[in-house]
């Protein structure tokens, strides 16, 4: 049986983190988890300590990329086969993790996608998603229908590559770079839950800025990055 680590970045998630982690502990004990408290200003850390959750505390807010990288370093050092990025706001459904684990026999990165067999809604955010999808298709010749999904599972070789440098954030431009380096990507259909607490960092203005930044990075910046070493024999 493969060892799976669920990495849960959490910034000011006091209203949801307890529900998310208790669900994993009670209903999915076959997986390990690690909460990355990213310098939260609310009671997220206090809840983790009070409940005895497995957690890593970042003394200041380092951002999603560095928080996830800390989780990936933990996964690599503790010899996990797979690691999955999992939101602390309750939007990701852990019932799909098993399907993603099964898919890892055929890929290095599995994306929990909302649009494998469903059509994207016509919204400004999905327009940005389509731009990123186009950039990936043009540069690495891979059609990724949900490139901005934050529910991603990584194989041990990819864990090693991403944990070893701060240049690999959990973003679509890194996905493009890893595909160019030989990583195989597969999407599986998932359903995302509605956020029931807290507020997303990505408002309309930030979403537009983010999408154009990713589009530019995929088209131009990735070509100046040294290819990652994806050695699948390390998975065995």
Protein backbone atom coordinates (compact mmCIF):
# COMPACT_ATOMS: atom_id res chain seq x y z
CA UNK A 1 0.00 0.00 0.00
CA UNK A 2 1.36 3.40 -1.00
CA UNK A 3 2.05 5.94 1.73
CA UNK A 4 0.20 9.18 1.09
CA UNK A 5 0.70 12.53 2.83
CA UNK A 6 -2.05 15.14 2.67
CA UNK A 7 -0.45 18.60 2.81
CA UNK A 8 -2.90 21.20 4.11
CA UNK A 9 -1.69 24.81 3.77
CA UNK A 10 -3.69 26.93 6.21
CA UNK A 11 -3.73 30.69 6.57
CA UNK A 12 -6.45 32.07 8.86
CA UNK A 13 -8.63 28.97 8.56
CA UNK A 14 -9.93 28.86 12.15
CA UNK A 15 -13.52 28.45 10.92
CA UNK A 16 -12.82 25.39 8.78
CA UNK A 17 -9.57 23.64 9.74
CA UNK A 18 -11.14 21.61 12.54
CA UNK A 19 -13.87 20.27 10.27
CA UNK A 20 -11.36 19.43 7.51
CA UNK A 21 -8.84 17.61 9.70
CA UNK A 22 -11.39 15.81 11.88
CA UNK A 23 -13.01 14.45 8.70
CA UNK A 24 -9.66 13.06 7.56
CA UNK A 25 -8.88 11.53 10.96
CA UNK A 26 -12.28 9.92 11.33
CA UNK A 27 -13.03 8.80 7.78
CA UNK A 28 -9.66 8.50 6.01
CA UNK A 29 -7.18 7.12 8.58
CA UNK A 30 -5.27 5.31 5.82
CA UNK A 31 -3.70 8.66 4.86
CA UNK A 32 -1.35 10.81 6.89
CA UNK A 33 -1.77 14.57 6.96
CA UNK A 34 0.26 17.66 7.82
CA UNK A 35 -1.24 21.08 8.46
CA UNK A 36 1.08 23.92 7.44
CA UNK A 37 0.04 26.86 9.59
CA UNK A 38 1.30 29.73 7.46
CA UNK A 39 1.70 32.42 10.10
CA UNK A 40 -2.04 32.67 10.71
CA UNK A 41 -3.24 35.68 12.69
CA UNK A 42 -6.38 33.95 13.93
CA UNK A 43 -6.78 30.82 16.07
CA UNK A 44 -5.65 28.27 13.46
CA UNK A 45 -2.44 27.42 15.34
CA UNK A 46 -4.24 27.36 18.68
CA UNK A 47 -6.76 24.86 17.31
CA UNK A 48 -4.00 22.64 15.89
CA UNK A 49 -2.22 22.58 19.23
CA UNK A 50 -5.37 22.05 21.28
CA UNK A 51 -6.56 19.18 19.08
CA UNK A 52 -3.12 17.60 18.79
CA UNK A 53 -3.06 17.82 15.00
CA UNK A 54 0.12 16.95 13.13
CA UNK A 55 1.22 20.41 12.08
CA UNK A 56 4.16 22.55 11.09
CA UNK A 57 4.11 26.16 12.23
CA UNK A 58 5.60 28.87 10.04
CA UNK A 59 6.36 31.81 12.37
CA UNK A 60 5.51 34.32 9.64
CA UNK A 61 3.30 34.20 6.57
CA UNK A 62 5.54 32.77 3.85
CA UNK A 63 2.88 32.26 1.19
CA UNK A 64 1.41 29.21 -0.51
CA UNK A 65 4.51 28.23 -2.50
CA UNK A 66 6.89 28.09 0.46
CA UNK A 67 4.24 26.52 2.68
CA UNK A 68 3.61 23.68 0.23
CA UNK A 69 7.34 23.26 -0.31
CA UNK A 70 7.80 22.79 3.44
CA UNK A 71 5.19 20.04 3.29
CA UNK A 72 6.93 18.43 0.32
CA UNK A 73 10.25 18.49 2.15
CA UNK A 74 8.55 16.71 5.05
CA UNK A 75 7.07 14.17 2.62
CA UNK A 76 10.44 13.50 1.03
CA UNK A 77 12.35 13.19 4.30
CA UNK A 78 9.71 10.81 5.66
CA UNK A 79 9.73 8.67 2.52
CA UNK A 80 6.13 9.11 1.38
CA UNK A 81 5.25 7.68 -2.03
CA UNK A 82 2.74 10.42 -2.84
CA UNK A 83 1.85 13.83 -1.51
CA UNK A 84 -1.34 15.73 -2.23
CA UNK A 85 -1.93 19.45 -1.90
CA UNK A 86 -5.26 19.87 -0.11
CA UNK A 87 -7.08 23.09 0.78
CA UNK A 88 -7.74 23.91 4.41
CA UNK A 89 -10.99 25.73 3.60
CA UNK A 90 -13.04 22.58 3.04
CA UNK A 91 -13.47 22.88 -0.73
CA UNK A 92 -11.58 19.68 -1.54
CA UNK A 93 -13.37 16.36 -1.06
CA UNK A 94 -11.10 13.62 0.34
CA UNK A 95 -13.30 10.88 -1.11
CA UNK A 96 -11.49 11.45 -4.44
CA UNK A 97 -8.02 10.78 -3.04
CA UNK A 98 -8.29 7.04 -3.66
CA UNK A 99 -9.13 7.65 -7.33
CA UNK A 100 -6.13 9.93 -7.63
CA UNK A 101 -3.86 7.35 -6.00
CA UNK A 102 -5.03 4.74 -8.52
CA UNK A 103 -4.30 7.15 -11.36
CA UNK A 104 -0.70 7.62 -10.19
CA UNK A 105 0.24 4.28 -11.79
CA UNK A 106 0.01 6.15 -15.10
CA UNK A 107 1.40 9.57 -14.23
CA UNK A 108 3.71 11.67 -12.08
CA UNK A 109 1.19 14.41 -11.29
CA UNK A 110 -2.53 13.81 -10.90
CA UNK A 111 -4.86 16.81 -10.94
CA UNK A 112 -8.27 16.73 -9.33
CA UNK A 113 -10.10 18.42 -12.19
CA UNK A 114 -13.56 19.96 -12.28
CA UNK A 115 -13.72 19.74 -16.05
CA UNK A 116 -12.69 16.31 -17.28
CA UNK A 117 -16.22 15.53 -18.40
CA UNK A 118 -17.98 18.76 -17.46
CA UNK A 119 -18.07 22.07 -19.31
CA UNK A 120 -16.48 25.15 -17.82
CA UNK A 121 -18.88 27.94 -16.85
CA UNK A 122 -18.53 31.20 -18.76
CA UNK A 123 -17.01 33.47 -16.10
CA UNK A 124 -14.06 35.86 -15.95
CA UNK A 125 -12.10 33.39 -13.80
CA UNK A 126 -12.73 30.56 -16.26
CA UNK A 127 -11.65 32.83 -19.11
CA UNK A 128 -8.32 33.10 -17.33
CA UNK A 129 -8.24 29.34 -16.90
CA UNK A 130 -8.78 28.96 -20.65
CA UNK A 131 -5.86 31.31 -21.33
CA UNK A 132 -3.58 29.19 -19.14
CA UNK A 133 -4.88 26.04 -20.80
CA UNK A 134 -4.02 27.56 -24.19
CA UNK A 135 -0.54 28.53 -23.02
CA UNK A 136 0.13 24.97 -21.86
CA UNK A 137 -1.13 23.57 -25.16
CA UNK A 138 1.09 25.93 -27.17
CA UNK A 139 4.25 25.40 -25.14
CA UNK A 140 4.25 21.80 -23.88
CA UNK A 141 1.54 20.37 -26.19
CA UNK A 142 -0.54 19.08 -23.30
CA UNK A 143 -4.23 19.85 -22.85
CA UNK A 144 -4.92 20.41 -19.15
CA UNK A 145 -8.59 21.23 -18.64
CA UNK A 146 -8.30 22.53 -15.08
CA UNK A 147 -4.77 23.97 -14.78
CA UNK A 148 -5.61 26.14 -11.76
CA UNK A 149 -6.99 23.33 -9.60
CA UNK A 150 -5.28 23.33 -6.21
CA UNK A 151 -5.94 19.62 -5.69
CA UNK A 152 -2.76 18.02 -7.03
CA UNK A 153 -1.02 14.77 -6.19
CA UNK A 154 2.70 14.29 -6.77
CA UNK A 155 4.85 11.17 -7.15
CA UNK A 156 8.02 10.74 -5.12
CA UNK A 157 10.33 11.85 -7.99
CA UNK A 158 8.28 15.04 -8.37
CA UNK A 159 8.23 15.52 -4.61
CA UNK A 160 12.02 15.39 -4.65
CA UNK A 161 12.27 17.86 -7.53
CA UNK A 162 9.84 20.34 -5.98
CA UNK A 163 11.22 20.03 -2.44
CA UNK A 164 14.76 20.66 -3.61
CA UNK A 165 14.32 24.22 -4.88
CA UNK A 166 12.24 27.26 -4.01
CA UNK A 167 11.74 27.87 -7.74
CA UNK A 168 8.90 25.32 -7.91
CA UNK A 169 5.70 26.78 -6.56
CA UNK A 170 2.45 24.78 -6.83
CA UNK A 171 1.26 26.83 -9.80
CA UNK A 172 0.46 26.24 -13.51
CA UNK A 173 3.84 27.59 -14.68
CA UNK A 174 5.60 24.97 -12.57
CA UNK A 175 3.24 22.39 -14.04
CA UNK A 176 4.35 23.49 -17.51
CA UNK A 177 8.00 23.30 -16.50
CA UNK A 178 7.62 19.81 -15.04
CA UNK A 179 5.81 18.57 -18.16
CA UNK A 180 8.66 19.97 -20.26
CA UNK A 181 11.04 18.07 -17.96
CA UNK A 182 9.24 14.80 -18.72
CA UNK A 183 6.60 14.58 -15.99
CA UNK A 184 3.42 12.79 -17.01
CA UNK A 185 0.17 14.50 -16.03
CA UNK A 186 -3.31 13.07 -15.74
CA UNK A 187 -6.61 14.63 -14.68
CA UNK A 188 -9.42 12.85 -12.85
CA UNK A 189 -12.90 14.25 -12.43
CA UNK A 190 -13.71 15.64 -8.98
CA UNK A 191 -16.39 17.84 -7.49
CA UNK A 192 -15.37 20.84 -5.43
CA UNK A 193 -17.36 21.85 -2.38
CA UNK A 194 -18.49 25.42 -1.81
CA UNK A 195 -16.45 27.45 0.66
CA UNK A 196 -18.45 27.66 3.88
CA UNK A 197 -16.15 29.91 5.91
CA UNK A 198 -13.45 32.50 5.43
CA UNK A 199 -12.72 34.46 2.29
CA UNK A 200 -10.63 33.61 -0.75
CA UNK A 201 -7.48 35.66 -1.29
CA UNK A 202 -8.22 35.73 -5.01
CA UNK A 203 -10.80 38.45 -5.56
CA UNK A 204 -11.62 39.55 -9.11
CA UNK A 205 -8.70 41.95 -9.43
CA UNK A 206 -6.15 39.53 -8.00
CA UNK A 207 -7.56 36.71 -10.13
CA UNK A 208 -7.06 38.69 -13.34
CA UNK A 209 -3.52 39.67 -12.32
CA UNK A 210 -2.73 36.06 -11.37
CA UNK A 211 -4.03 34.64 -14.65
CA UNK A 212 -2.00 37.05 -16.80
CA UNK A 213 1.10 36.45 -14.71
CA UNK A 214 0.75 32.69 -15.21
CA UNK A 215 0.06 33.11 -18.93
CA UNK A 216 3.23 35.20 -19.40
CA UNK A 217 5.33 32.89 -17.25
CA UNK A 218 4.27 29.77 -19.15
CA UNK A 219 4.86 31.36 -22.55
CA UNK A 220 8.23 32.93 -21.80
CA UNK A 221 9.81 32.44 -18.37
CA UNK A 222 9.80 28.62 -18.27
CA UNK A 223 12.24 28.41 -21.19
CA UNK A 224 14.95 29.98 -19.03
CA UNK A 225 14.56 27.47 -16.21
CA UNK A 226 16.83 24.46 -15.91
CA UNK A 227 14.93 21.23 -16.50
CA UNK A 228 13.98 19.22 -13.45
CA UNK A 229 15.27 15.68 -12.99
CA UNK A 230 12.32 13.30 -12.91
CA UNK A 231 13.81 9.87 -12.17
CA UNK A 232 10.98 7.37 -11.93
CA UNK A 233 13.23 4.59 -10.72
CA UNK A 234 13.22 6.41 -7.37
CA UNK A 235 9.52 5.59 -7.11
CA UNK A 236 10.17 1.86 -6.96
